[in-house]
Amino acid sequence: ANPTRPGPPRDVTVALVADTAPEDFNGIRTGPVSFDGRFGMGNVYPHRYRAYAIEKLDTNQLQNPDVLKQLENRATEVDLMENDDKQIQLPLITAEEMQQIYSRLGIEPLLPYN
């Protein structure tokens, strides 16, 4: 996947958010995007996920259902089965877009956005 734009590397995180979380895991997995725009995650629980590529992500905000609701229309849905090896391409959600979401919801993010 290549969620980054041309230019200098960005601080981009890929997040997988399960549609419904079974009792034995929290349903959210995150991982960094490499310099060339690729990412990989191992040991992901088989499930249906919404995938995002988010610049300067405050991962704590993924626990907030209001933030997730705001992100729903930017999701790429992916079904992962045991031992799956999938390639997906994700649109980048910029730090500015996240800041707008936080502002709409009255949230003060933990990470600086400048």
PDB file of N, CA and C in Angstrom:
ATOM      1  N   ALA A   1       0.853  -1.186   0.000  1.00  0.00           N
ATOM      2  CA  ALA A   1       0.000   0.000   0.000  1.00  0.00           C
ATOM      3  C   ALA A   1       0.882   1.226   0.000  1.00  0.00           C
ATOM      4  N   ASN A   2       0.377   2.288  -0.548  1.00  0.00           N
ATOM      5  CA  ASN A   2       1.163   3.514  -0.610  1.00  0.00           C
ATOM      6  C   ASN A   2       0.306   4.702  -0.195  1.00  0.00           C
ATOM      7  N   PRO A   3       0.190   4.931   1.133  1.00  0.00           N
ATOM      8  CA  PRO A   3      -0.661   6.018   1.594  1.00  0.00           C
ATOM      9  C   PRO A   3       0.016   7.376   1.612  1.00  0.00           C
ATOM     10  N   THR A   4       1.313   7.435   1.292  1.00  0.00           N
ATOM     11  CA  THR A   4       2.030   8.696   1.399  1.00  0.00           C
ATOM     12  C   THR A   4       2.027   9.443   0.083  1.00  0.00           C
ATOM     13  N   ARG A   5       2.155  10.740   0.172  1.00  0.00           N
ATOM     14  CA  ARG A   5       2.266  11.586  -1.012  1.00  0.00           C
ATOM     15  C   ARG A   5       3.736  11.736  -1.379  1.00  0.00           C
ATOM     16  N   PRO A   6       4.027  12.145  -2.626  1.00  0.00           N
ATOM     17  CA  PRO A   6       5.423  12.403  -2.970  1.00  0.00           C
ATOM     18  C   PRO A   6       5.969  13.507  -2.079  1.00  0.00           C
ATOM     19  N   GLY A   7       7.265  13.446  -1.819  1.00  0.00           N
ATOM     20  CA  GLY A   7       7.877  14.465  -0.981  1.00  0.00           C
ATOM     21  C   GLY A   7       8.529  13.826   0.225  1.00  0.00           C
ATOM     22  N   PRO A   8       8.800  14.631   1.242  1.00  0.00           N
ATOM     23  CA  PRO A   8       9.500  14.097   2.412  1.00  0.00           C
ATOM     24  C   PRO A   8       8.649  13.081   3.156  1.00  0.00           C
ATOM     25  N   PRO A   9       9.309  12.167   3.884  1.00  0.00           N
ATOM     26  CA  PRO A   9       8.551  11.160   4.624  1.00  0.00           C
ATOM     27  C   PRO A   9       7.649  11.822   5.662  1.00  0.00           C
ATOM     28  N   ARG A  10       6.522  11.191   5.918  1.00  0.00           N
ATOM     29  CA  ARG A  10       5.565  11.692   6.900  1.00  0.00           C
ATOM     30  C   ARG A  10       5.484  10.692   8.048  1.00  0.00           C
ATOM     31  N   ASP A  11       4.990  11.150   9.172  1.00  0.00           N
ATOM     32  CA  ASP A  11       4.738  10.284  10.320  1.00  0.00           C
ATOM     33  C   ASP A  11       3.342   9.696  10.133  1.00  0.00           C
ATOM     34  N   VAL A  12       3.273   8.543   9.439  1.00  0.00           N
ATOM     35  CA  VAL A  12       1.987   7.940   9.090  1.00  0.00           C
ATOM     36  C   VAL A  12       1.857   6.591   9.800  1.00  0.00           C
ATOM     37  N   THR A  13       0.674   6.368  10.364  1.00  0.00           N
ATOM     38  CA  THR A  13       0.344   5.110  11.033  1.00  0.00           C
ATOM     39  C   THR A  13      -0.833   4.472  10.315  1.00  0.00           C
ATOM     40  N   VAL A  14      -0.752   3.149  10.122  1.00  0.00           N
ATOM     41  CA  VAL A  14      -1.891   2.408   9.609  1.00  0.00           C
ATOM     42  C   VAL A  14      -2.626   1.841  10.812  1.00  0.00           C
ATOM     43  N   ALA A  15      -3.943   2.003  10.804  1.00  0.00           N
ATOM     44  CA  ALA A  15      -4.779   1.483  11.886  1.00  0.00           C
ATOM     45  C   ALA A  15      -5.815   0.531  11.312  1.00  0.00           C
ATOM     46  N   LEU A  16      -5.959  -0.619  11.949  1.00  0.00           N
ATOM     47  CA  LEU A  16      -7.025  -1.567  11.644  1.00  0.00           C
ATOM     48  C   LEU A  16      -7.987  -1.541  12.821  1.00  0.00           C
ATOM     49  N   VAL A  17      -9.252  -1.261  12.538  1.00  0.00           N
ATOM     50  CA  VAL A  17     -10.268  -1.196  13.587  1.00  0.00           C
ATOM     51  C   VAL A  17     -11.335  -2.229  13.255  1.00  0.00           C
ATOM     52  N   ALA A  18     -11.522  -3.198  14.145  1.00  0.00           N
ATOM     53  CA  ALA A  18     -12.508  -4.256  13.918  1.00  0.00           C
ATOM     54  C   ALA A  18     -13.919  -3.686  13.969  1.00  0.00           C
ATOM     55  N   ASP A  19     -14.796  -4.216  13.100  1.00  0.00           N
ATOM     56  CA  ASP A  19     -16.201  -3.795  13.114  1.00  0.00           C
ATOM     57  C   ASP A  19     -16.833  -4.056  14.474  1.00  0.00           C
ATOM     58  N   THR A  20     -16.584  -5.238  15.010  1.00  0.00           N
ATOM     59  CA  THR A  20     -17.017  -5.580  16.364  1.00  0.00           C
ATOM     60  C   THR A  20     -15.859  -6.305  17.021  1.00  0.00           C
ATOM     61  N   ALA A  21     -15.596  -5.988  18.263  1.00  0.00           N
ATOM     62  CA  ALA A  21     -14.440  -6.579  18.939  1.00  0.00           C
ATOM     63  C   ALA A  21     -14.853  -7.769  19.790  1.00  0.00           C
ATOM     64  N   PRO A  22     -14.292  -8.959  19.516  1.00  0.00           N
ATOM     65  CA  PRO A  22     -14.532 -10.094  20.407  1.00  0.00           C
ATOM     66  C   PRO A  22     -14.009  -9.766  21.815  1.00  0.00           C
ATOM     67  N   GLU A  23     -14.474 -10.508  22.792  1.00  0.00           N
ATOM     68  CA  GLU A  23     -14.115 -10.252  24.193  1.00  0.00           C
ATOM     69  C   GLU A  23     -12.602 -10.315  24.440  1.00  0.00           C
ATOM     70  N   ASP A  24     -11.892 -11.149  23.679  1.00  0.00           N
ATOM     71  CA  ASP A  24     -10.489 -11.395  24.016  1.00  0.00           C
ATOM     72  C   ASP A  24      -9.485 -10.481  23.314  1.00  0.00           C
ATOM     73  N   PHE A  25      -9.927  -9.468  22.577  1.00  0.00           N
ATOM     74  CA  PHE A  25      -8.974  -8.485  22.049  1.00  0.00           C
ATOM     75  C   PHE A  25      -9.699  -7.173  21.834  1.00  0.00           C
ATOM     76  N   ASN A  26      -8.945  -6.069  21.850  1.00  0.00           N
ATOM     77  CA  ASN A  26      -9.602  -4.757  21.822  1.00  0.00           C
ATOM     78  C   ASN A  26     -10.031  -4.324  20.431  1.00  0.00           C
ATOM     79  N   GLY A  27      -9.652  -5.047  19.388  1.00  0.00           N
ATOM     80  CA  GLY A  27     -10.160  -4.757  18.051  1.00  0.00           C
ATOM     81  C   GLY A  27      -9.435  -3.657  17.311  1.00  0.00           C
ATOM     82  N   ILE A  28      -8.328  -3.160  17.859  1.00  0.00           N
ATOM     83  CA  ILE A  28      -7.565  -2.099  17.188  1.00  0.00           C
ATOM     84  C   ILE A  28      -6.106  -2.516  17.108  1.00  0.00           C
ATOM     85  N   ARG A  29      -5.564  -2.462  15.894  1.00  0.00           N
ATOM     86  CA  ARG A  29      -4.137  -2.734  15.673  1.00  0.00           C
ATOM     87  C   ARG A  29      -3.557  -1.565  14.903  1.00  0.00           C
ATOM     88  N   THR A  30      -2.346  -1.157  15.265  1.00  0.00           N
ATOM     89  CA  THR A  30      -1.683  -0.072  14.550  1.00  0.00           C
ATOM     90  C   THR A  30      -0.262  -0.481  14.203  1.00  0.00           C
ATOM     91  N   GLY A  31       0.271   0.159  13.176  1.00  0.00           N
ATOM     92  CA  GLY A  31       1.642  -0.082  12.774  1.00  0.00           C
ATOM     93  C   GLY A  31       2.150   1.059  11.920  1.00  0.00           C
ATOM     94  N   PRO A  32       3.461   1.271  11.923  1.00  0.00           N
ATOM     95  CA  PRO A  32       4.035   2.373  11.153  1.00  0.00           C
ATOM     96  C   PRO A  32       4.093   2.074   9.661  1.00  0.00           C
ATOM     97  N   VAL A  33       4.143   3.141   8.881  1.00  0.00           N
ATOM     98  CA  VAL A  33       4.340   3.041   7.436  1.00  0.00           C
ATOM     99  C   VAL A  33       5.814   3.322   7.169  1.00  0.00           C
ATOM    100  N   SER A  34       6.434   2.491   6.328  1.00  0.00           N
ATOM    101  CA  SER A  34       7.857   2.653   6.035  1.00  0.00           C
ATOM    102  C   SER A  34       8.114   3.852   5.124  1.00  0.00           C
ATOM    103  N   PHE A  35       9.366   4.183   4.966  1.00  0.00           N
ATOM    104  CA  PHE A  35       9.796   5.310   4.141  1.00  0.00           C
ATOM    105  C   PHE A  35       9.220   5.234   2.727  1.00  0.00           C
ATOM    106  N   ASP A  36       9.101   4.005   2.183  1.00  0.00           N
ATOM    107  CA  ASP A  36       8.596   3.850   0.811  1.00  0.00           C
ATOM    108  C   ASP A  36       7.073   3.694   0.746  1.00  0.00           C
ATOM    109  N   GLY A  37       6.389   3.917   1.877  1.00  0.00           N
ATOM    110  CA  GLY A  37       4.930   3.901   1.867  1.00  0.00           C
ATOM    111  C   GLY A  37       4.312   2.531   2.077  1.00  0.00           C
ATOM    112  N   ARG A  38       5.094   1.559   2.507  1.00  0.00           N
ATOM    113  CA  ARG A  38       4.570   0.208   2.722  1.00  0.00           C
ATOM    114  C   ARG A  38       4.367  -0.050   4.212  1.00  0.00           C
ATOM    115  N   PHE A  39       3.490  -1.007   4.509  1.00  0.00           N
ATOM    116  CA  PHE A  39       3.270  -1.403   5.892  1.00  0.00           C
ATOM    117  C   PHE A  39       2.946  -2.884   5.941  1.00  0.00           C
ATOM    118  N   GLY A  40       3.130  -3.467   7.089  1.00  0.00           N
ATOM    119  CA  GLY A  40       2.773  -4.859   7.306  1.00  0.00           C
ATOM    120  C   GLY A  40       2.424  -5.067   8.763  1.00  0.00           C
ATOM    121  N   MET A  41       1.531  -6.003   9.008  1.00  0.00           N
ATOM    122  CA  MET A  41       1.156  -6.360  10.377  1.00  0.00           C
ATOM    123  C   MET A  41       1.063  -7.864  10.460  1.00  0.00           C
ATOM    124  N   GLY A  42       1.657  -8.410  11.487  1.00  0.00           N
ATOM    125  CA  GLY A  42       1.566  -9.843  11.716  1.00  0.00           C
ATOM    126  C   GLY A  42       0.637 -10.144  12.870  1.00  0.00           C
ATOM    127  N   ASN A  43       0.234 -11.394  12.982  1.00  0.00           N
ATOM    128  CA  ASN A  43      -0.604 -11.862  14.088  1.00  0.00           C
ATOM    129  C   ASN A  43      -1.878 -11.038  14.260  1.00  0.00           C
ATOM    130  N   VAL A  44      -2.541 -10.755  13.145  1.00  0.00           N
ATOM    131  CA  VAL A  44      -3.805 -10.013  13.201  1.00  0.00           C
ATOM    132  C   VAL A  44      -4.947 -11.019  13.312  1.00  0.00           C
ATOM    133  N   TYR A  45      -5.813 -10.796  14.281  1.00  0.00           N
ATOM    134  CA  TYR A  45      -6.954 -11.668  14.537  1.00  0.00           C
ATOM    135  C   TYR A  45      -7.861 -11.696  13.300  1.00  0.00           C
ATOM    136  N   PRO A  46      -8.292 -12.880  12.831  1.00  0.00           N
ATOM    137  CA  PRO A  46      -9.198 -12.944  11.680  1.00  0.00           C
ATOM    138  C   PRO A  46     -10.501 -12.198  11.978  1.00  0.00           C
ATOM    139  N   HIS A  47     -10.835 -11.252  11.107  1.00  0.00           N
ATOM    140  CA  HIS A  47     -12.005 -10.414  11.363  1.00  0.00           C
ATOM    141  C   HIS A  47     -12.224  -9.485  10.171  1.00  0.00           C
ATOM    142  N   ARG A  48     -13.325  -8.731  10.188  1.00  0.00           N
ATOM    143  CA  ARG A  48     -13.537  -7.640   9.231  1.00  0.00           C
ATOM    144  C   ARG A  48     -13.062  -6.351   9.901  1.00  0.00           C
ATOM    145  N   TYR A  49     -12.222  -5.611   9.190  1.00  0.00           N
ATOM    146  CA  TYR A  49     -11.640  -4.386   9.723  1.00  0.00           C
ATOM    147  C   TYR A  49     -11.935  -3.194   8.821  1.00  0.00           C
ATOM    148  N   ARG A  50     -11.896  -2.019   9.403  1.00  0.00           N
ATOM    149  CA  ARG A  50     -11.826  -0.764   8.674  1.00  0.00           C
ATOM    150  C   ARG A  50     -10.374  -0.317   8.788  1.00  0.00           C
ATOM    151  N   ALA A  51      -9.740  -0.042   7.652  1.00  0.00           N
ATOM    152  CA  ALA A  51      -8.324   0.321   7.638  1.00  0.00           C
ATOM    153  C   ALA A  51      -8.172   1.798   7.302  1.00  0.00           C
ATOM    154  N   TYR A  52      -7.207   2.431   7.961  1.00  0.00           N
ATOM    155  CA  TYR A  52      -6.926   3.857   7.772  1.00  0.00           C
ATOM    156  C   TYR A  52      -5.425   4.076   7.727  1.00  0.00           C
ATOM    157  N   ALA A  53      -4.996   5.075   6.965  1.00  0.00           N
ATOM    158  CA  ALA A  53      -3.616   5.574   7.010  1.00  0.00           C
ATOM    159  C   ALA A  53      -3.722   7.016   7.497  1.00  0.00           C
ATOM    160  N   ILE A  54      -3.207   7.254   8.708  1.00  0.00           N
ATOM    161  CA  ILE A  54      -3.418   8.548   9.360  1.00  0.00           C
ATOM    162  C   ILE A  54      -2.077   9.174   9.717  1.00  0.00           C
ATOM    163  N   GLU A  55      -1.927  10.434   9.325  1.00  0.00           N
ATOM    164  CA  GLU A  55      -0.706  11.185   9.621  1.00  0.00           C
ATOM    165  C   GLU A  55      -0.742  11.685  11.062  1.00  0.00           C
ATOM    166  N   LYS A  56       0.372  11.502  11.781  1.00  0.00           N
ATOM    167  CA  LYS A  56       0.524  11.981  13.170  1.00  0.00           C
ATOM    168  C   LYS A  56      -0.635  11.551  14.059  1.00  0.00           C
ATOM    169  N   LEU A  57      -0.931  10.264  14.026  1.00  0.00           N
ATOM    170  CA  LEU A  57      -2.076   9.720  14.759  1.00  0.00           C
ATOM    171  C   LEU A  57      -1.821   9.702  16.262  1.00  0.00           C
ATOM    172  N   ASP A  58      -2.773  10.214  17.023  1.00  0.00           N
ATOM    173  CA  ASP A  58      -2.830  10.020  18.467  1.00  0.00           C
ATOM    174  C   ASP A  58      -3.637   8.736  18.650  1.00  0.00           C
ATOM    175  N   THR A  59      -2.949   7.607  18.856  1.00  0.00           N
ATOM    176  CA  THR A  59      -3.620   6.305  18.864  1.00  0.00           C
ATOM    177  C   THR A  59      -4.685   6.205  19.955  1.00  0.00           C
ATOM    178  N   ASN A  60      -4.564   6.988  21.020  1.00  0.00           N
ATOM    179  CA  ASN A  60      -5.591   6.977  22.073  1.00  0.00           C
ATOM    180  C   ASN A  60      -6.954   7.373  21.522  1.00  0.00           C
ATOM    181  N   GLN A  61      -6.959   8.214  20.485  1.00  0.00           N
ATOM    182  CA  GLN A  61      -8.231   8.698  19.932  1.00  0.00           C
ATOM    183  C   GLN A  61      -9.002   7.603  19.200  1.00  0.00           C
ATOM    184  N   LEU A  62      -8.322   6.492  18.845  1.00  0.00           N
ATOM    185  CA  LEU A  62      -9.023   5.383  18.193  1.00  0.00           C
ATOM    186  C   LEU A  62      -9.955   4.666  19.163  1.00  0.00           C
ATOM    187  N   GLN A  63      -9.797   4.911  20.458  1.00  0.00           N
ATOM    188  CA  GLN A  63     -10.701   4.338  21.455  1.00  0.00           C
ATOM    189  C   GLN A  63     -11.982   5.162  21.570  1.00  0.00           C
ATOM    190  N   ASN A  64     -11.993   6.344  20.952  1.00  0.00           N
ATOM    191  CA  ASN A  64     -13.125   7.265  21.064  1.00  0.00           C
ATOM    192  C   ASN A  64     -14.143   6.961  19.961  1.00  0.00           C
ATOM    193  N   PRO A  65     -15.348   6.485  20.326  1.00  0.00           N
ATOM    194  CA  PRO A  65     -16.339   6.139  19.302  1.00  0.00           C
ATOM    195  C   PRO A  65     -16.758   7.331  18.440  1.00  0.00           C
ATOM    196  N   ASP A  66     -16.705   8.552  18.985  1.00  0.00           N
ATOM    197  CA  ASP A  66     -17.065   9.738  18.199  1.00  0.00           C
ATOM    198  C   ASP A  66     -16.038   9.993  17.097  1.00  0.00           C
ATOM    199  N   VAL A  67     -14.763   9.786  17.402  1.00  0.00           N
ATOM    200  CA  VAL A  67     -13.711   9.941  16.391  1.00  0.00           C
ATOM    201  C   VAL A  67     -13.880   8.875  15.311  1.00  0.00           C
ATOM    202  N   LEU A  68     -14.111   7.637  15.723  1.00  0.00           N
ATOM    203  CA  LEU A  68     -14.289   6.553  14.752  1.00  0.00           C
ATOM    204  C   LEU A  68     -15.491   6.818  13.847  1.00  0.00           C
ATOM    205  N   LYS A  69     -16.554   7.371  14.403  1.00  0.00           N
ATOM    206  CA  LYS A  69     -17.740   7.703  13.600  1.00  0.00           C
ATOM    207  C   LYS A  69     -17.381   8.731  12.530  1.00  0.00           C
ATOM    208  N   GLN A  70     -16.564   9.736  12.903  1.00  0.00           N
ATOM    209  CA  GLN A  70     -16.147  10.766  11.958  1.00  0.00           C
ATOM    210  C   GLN A  70     -15.258  10.191  10.844  1.00  0.00           C
ATOM    211  N   LEU A  71     -14.536   9.120  11.154  1.00  0.00           N
ATOM    212  CA  LEU A  71     -13.608   8.516  10.188  1.00  0.00           C
ATOM    213  C   LEU A  71     -14.268   7.475   9.280  1.00  0.00           C
ATOM    214  N   GLU A  72     -15.484   7.043   9.611  1.00  0.00           N
ATOM    215  CA  GLU A  72     -16.106   5.916   8.894  1.00  0.00           C
ATOM    216  C   GLU A  72     -16.094   6.072   7.375  1.00  0.00           C
ATOM    217  N   ASN A  73     -16.401   7.280   6.871  1.00  0.00           N
ATOM    218  CA  ASN A  73     -16.479   7.452   5.418  1.00  0.00           C
ATOM    219  C   ASN A  73     -15.107   7.464   4.749  1.00  0.00           C
ATOM    220  N   ARG A  74     -14.031   7.461   5.526  1.00  0.00           N
ATOM    221  CA  ARG A  74     -12.671   7.414   4.977  1.00  0.00           C
ATOM    222  C   ARG A  74     -12.070   6.013   5.064  1.00  0.00           C
ATOM    223  N   ALA A  75     -12.844   5.063   5.563  1.00  0.00           N
ATOM    224  CA  ALA A  75     -12.328   3.710   5.801  1.00  0.00           C
ATOM    225  C   ALA A  75     -12.226   2.905   4.520  1.00  0.00           C
ATOM    226  N   THR A  76     -11.267   1.991   4.510  1.00  0.00           N
ATOM    227  CA  THR A  76     -11.176   0.941   3.506  1.00  0.00           C
ATOM    228  C   THR A  76     -11.485  -0.352   4.242  1.00  0.00           C
ATOM    229  N   GLU A  77     -12.574  -1.030   3.852  1.00  0.00           N
ATOM    230  CA  GLU A  77     -12.943  -2.263   4.546  1.00  0.00           C
ATOM    231  C   GLU A  77     -12.123  -3.427   4.004  1.00  0.00           C
ATOM    232  N   VAL A  78     -11.692  -4.291   4.927  1.00  0.00           N
ATOM    233  CA  VAL A  78     -10.898  -5.454   4.547  1.00  0.00           C
ATOM    234  C   VAL A  78     -11.271  -6.618   5.457  1.00  0.00           C
ATOM    235  N   ASP A  79     -11.495  -7.787   4.841  1.00  0.00           N
ATOM    236  CA  ASP A  79     -11.751  -9.018   5.595  1.00  0.00           C
ATOM    237  C   ASP A  79     -10.449  -9.796   5.671  1.00  0.00           C
ATOM    238  N   LEU A  80     -10.005 -10.089   6.883  1.00  0.00           N
ATOM    239  CA  LEU A  80      -8.769 -10.841   7.072  1.00  0.00           C
ATOM    240  C   LEU A  80      -9.088 -12.201   7.671  1.00  0.00           C
ATOM    241  N   MET A  81      -8.540 -13.230   7.044  1.00  0.00           N
ATOM    242  CA  MET A  81      -8.688 -14.592   7.527  1.00  0.00           C
ATOM    243  C   MET A  81      -7.335 -15.054   8.075  1.00  0.00           C
ATOM    244  N   GLU A  82      -7.331 -16.201   8.698  1.00  0.00           N
ATOM    245  CA  GLU A  82      -6.087 -16.737   9.241  1.00  0.00           C
ATOM    246  C   GLU A  82      -5.069 -16.942   8.119  1.00  0.00           C
ATOM    247  N   ASN A  83      -3.831 -16.527   8.353  1.00  0.00           N
ATOM    248  CA  ASN A  83      -2.710 -16.639   7.408  1.00  0.00           C
ATOM    249  C   ASN A  83      -2.916 -15.855   6.115  1.00  0.00           C
ATOM    250  N   ASP A  84      -3.782 -14.852   6.129  1.00  0.00           N
ATOM    251  CA  ASP A  84      -3.995 -14.015   4.945  1.00  0.00           C
ATOM    252  C   ASP A  84      -2.770 -13.148   4.664  1.00  0.00           C
ATOM    253  N   ASP A  85      -2.542 -12.896   3.398  1.00  0.00           N
ATOM    254  CA  ASP A  85      -1.508 -11.970   2.949  1.00  0.00           C
ATOM    255  C   ASP A  85      -2.173 -11.077   1.911  1.00  0.00           C
ATOM    256  N   LYS A  86      -2.595  -9.889   2.334  1.00  0.00           N
ATOM    257  CA  LYS A  86      -3.343  -9.005   1.442  1.00  0.00           C
ATOM    258  C   LYS A  86      -2.558  -7.738   1.182  1.00  0.00           C
ATOM    259  N   GLN A  87      -2.813  -7.165   0.014  1.00  0.00           N
ATOM    260  CA  GLN A  87      -2.282  -5.853  -0.321  1.00  0.00           C
ATOM    261  C   GLN A  87      -3.462  -4.910  -0.470  1.00  0.00           C
ATOM    262  N   ILE A  88      -3.404  -3.793   0.237  1.00  0.00           N
ATOM    263  CA  ILE A  88      -4.453  -2.787   0.127  1.00  0.00           C
ATOM    264  C   ILE A  88      -3.809  -1.423  -0.037  1.00  0.00           C
ATOM    265  N   GLN A  89      -4.507  -0.541  -0.687  1.00  0.00           N
ATOM    266  CA  GLN A  89      -4.040   0.822  -0.851  1.00  0.00           C
ATOM    267  C   GLN A  89      -4.979   1.726  -0.059  1.00  0.00           C
ATOM    268  N   LEU A  90      -4.393   2.596   0.754  1.00  0.00           N
ATOM    269  CA  LEU A  90      -5.184   3.429   1.648  1.00  0.00           C
ATOM    270  C   LEU A  90      -4.975   4.903   1.335  1.00  0.00           C
ATOM    271  N   PRO A  91      -6.061   5.680   1.308  1.00  0.00           N
ATOM    272  CA  PRO A  91      -5.895   7.124   1.158  1.00  0.00           C
ATOM    273  C   PRO A  91      -5.354   7.710   2.457  1.00  0.00           C
ATOM    274  N   LEU A  92      -4.511   8.718   2.341  1.00  0.00           N
ATOM    275  CA  LEU A  92      -3.920   9.350   3.517  1.00  0.00           C
ATOM    276  C   LEU A  92      -4.913  10.316   4.154  1.00  0.00           C
ATOM    277  N   ILE A  93      -5.105  10.176   5.451  1.00  0.00           N
ATOM    278  CA  ILE A  93      -5.861  11.145   6.241  1.00  0.00           C
ATOM    279  C   ILE A  93      -4.818  12.030   6.909  1.00  0.00           C
ATOM    280  N   THR A  94      -4.778  13.298   6.520  1.00  0.00           N
ATOM    281  CA  THR A  94      -3.707  14.186   6.971  1.00  0.00           C
ATOM    282  C   THR A  94      -3.908  14.629   8.421  1.00  0.00           C
ATOM    283  N   ALA A  95      -2.832  15.127   9.019  1.00  0.00           N
ATOM    284  CA  ALA A  95      -2.900  15.672  10.374  1.00  0.00           C
ATOM    285  C   ALA A  95      -3.901  16.817  10.434  1.00  0.00           C
ATOM    286  N   GLU A  96      -3.966  17.608   9.362  1.00  0.00           N
ATOM    287  CA  GLU A  96      -4.908  18.729   9.328  1.00  0.00           C
ATOM    288  C   GLU A  96      -6.355  18.224   9.360  1.00  0.00           C
ATOM    289  N   GLU A  97      -6.634  17.157   8.601  1.00  0.00           N
ATOM    290  CA  GLU A  97      -7.980  16.578   8.611  1.00  0.00           C
ATOM    291  C   GLU A  97      -8.328  16.038   9.997  1.00  0.00           C
ATOM    292  N   MET A  98      -7.363  15.389  10.647  1.00  0.00           N
ATOM    293  CA  MET A  98      -7.605  14.875  11.997  1.00  0.00           C
ATOM    294  C   MET A  98      -7.848  16.023  12.972  1.00  0.00           C
ATOM    295  N   GLN A  99      -7.083  17.101  12.819  1.00  0.00           N
ATOM    296  CA  GLN A  99      -7.260  18.257  13.701  1.00  0.00           C
ATOM    297  C   GLN A  99      -8.663  18.837  13.546  1.00  0.00           C
ATOM    298  N   GLN A 100      -9.175  18.867  12.312  1.00  0.00           N
ATOM    299  CA  GLN A 100     -10.537  19.356  12.080  1.00  0.00           C
ATOM    300  C   GLN A 100     -11.564  18.467  12.796  1.00  0.00           C
ATOM    301  N   ILE A 101     -11.339  17.156  12.742  1.00  0.00           N
ATOM    302  CA  ILE A 101     -12.240  16.229  13.440  1.00  0.00           C
ATOM    303  C   ILE A 101     -12.183  16.485  14.941  1.00  0.00           C
ATOM    304  N   TYR A 102     -10.963  16.587  15.483  1.00  0.00           N
ATOM    305  CA  TYR A 102     -10.815  16.832  16.919  1.00  0.00           C
ATOM    306  C   TYR A 102     -11.486  18.148  17.317  1.00  0.00           C
ATOM    307  N   SER A 103     -11.309  19.174  16.494  1.00  0.00           N
ATOM    308  CA  SER A 103     -11.897  20.481  16.801  1.00  0.00           C
ATOM    309  C   SER A 103     -13.420  20.399  16.809  1.00  0.00           C
ATOM    310  N   ARG A 104     -13.992  19.708  15.793  1.00  0.00           N
ATOM    311  CA  ARG A 104     -15.451  19.548  15.733  1.00  0.00           C
ATOM    312  C   ARG A 104     -15.987  18.866  16.984  1.00  0.00           C
ATOM    313  N   LEU A 105     -15.195  17.929  17.514  1.00  0.00           N
ATOM    314  CA  LEU A 105     -15.636  17.154  18.672  1.00  0.00           C
ATOM    315  C   LEU A 105     -15.203  17.778  19.999  1.00  0.00           C
ATOM    316  N   GLY A 106     -14.468  18.894  19.948  1.00  0.00           N
ATOM    317  CA  GLY A 106     -13.994  19.533  21.168  1.00  0.00           C
ATOM    318  C   GLY A 106     -12.912  18.743  21.886  1.00  0.00           C
ATOM    319  N   ILE A 107     -12.076  18.014  21.115  1.00  0.00           N
ATOM    320  CA  ILE A 107     -11.017  17.180  21.669  1.00  0.00           C
ATOM    321  C   ILE A 107      -9.687  17.895  21.521  1.00  0.00           C
ATOM    322  N   GLU A 108      -8.875  17.857  22.561  1.00  0.00           N
ATOM    323  CA  GLU A 108      -7.509  18.387  22.498  1.00  0.00           C
ATOM    324  C   GLU A 108      -6.572  17.186  22.303  1.00  0.00           C
ATOM    325  N   PRO A 109      -5.991  17.028  21.106  1.00  0.00           N
ATOM    326  CA  PRO A 109      -5.124  15.872  20.862  1.00  0.00           C
ATOM    327  C   PRO A 109      -3.831  15.957  21.677  1.00  0.00           C
ATOM    328  N   LEU A 110      -3.236  14.795  21.922  1.00  0.00           N
ATOM    329  CA  LEU A 110      -2.007  14.735  22.706  1.00  0.00           C
ATOM    330  C   LEU A 110      -0.768  15.118  21.905  1.00  0.00           C
ATOM    331  N   LEU A 111      -0.832  14.942  20.599  1.00  0.00           N
ATOM    332  CA  LEU A 111       0.338  15.207  19.762  1.00  0.00           C
ATOM    333  C   LEU A 111       0.291  16.605  19.165  1.00  0.00           C
ATOM    334  N   PRO A 112       1.444  17.269  19.032  1.00  0.00           N
ATOM    335  CA  PRO A 112       1.464  18.580  18.355  1.00  0.00           C
ATOM    336  C   PRO A 112       1.243  18.412  16.857  1.00  0.00           C
ATOM    337  N   TYR A 113       0.594  19.374  16.239  1.00  0.00           N
ATOM    338  CA  TYR A 113       0.278  19.288  14.803  1.00  0.00           C
ATOM    339  C   TYR A 113       0.940  20.399  14.011  1.00  0.00           C
ATOM    340  N   ASN A 114       2.132  20.811  14.407  1.00  0.00           N
ATOM    341  CA  ASN A 114       2.821  21.854  13.636  1.00  0.00           C
ATOM    342  C   ASN A 114       4.213  21.434  13.295  1.00  0.00           C
TER     343      ASN A 114
END
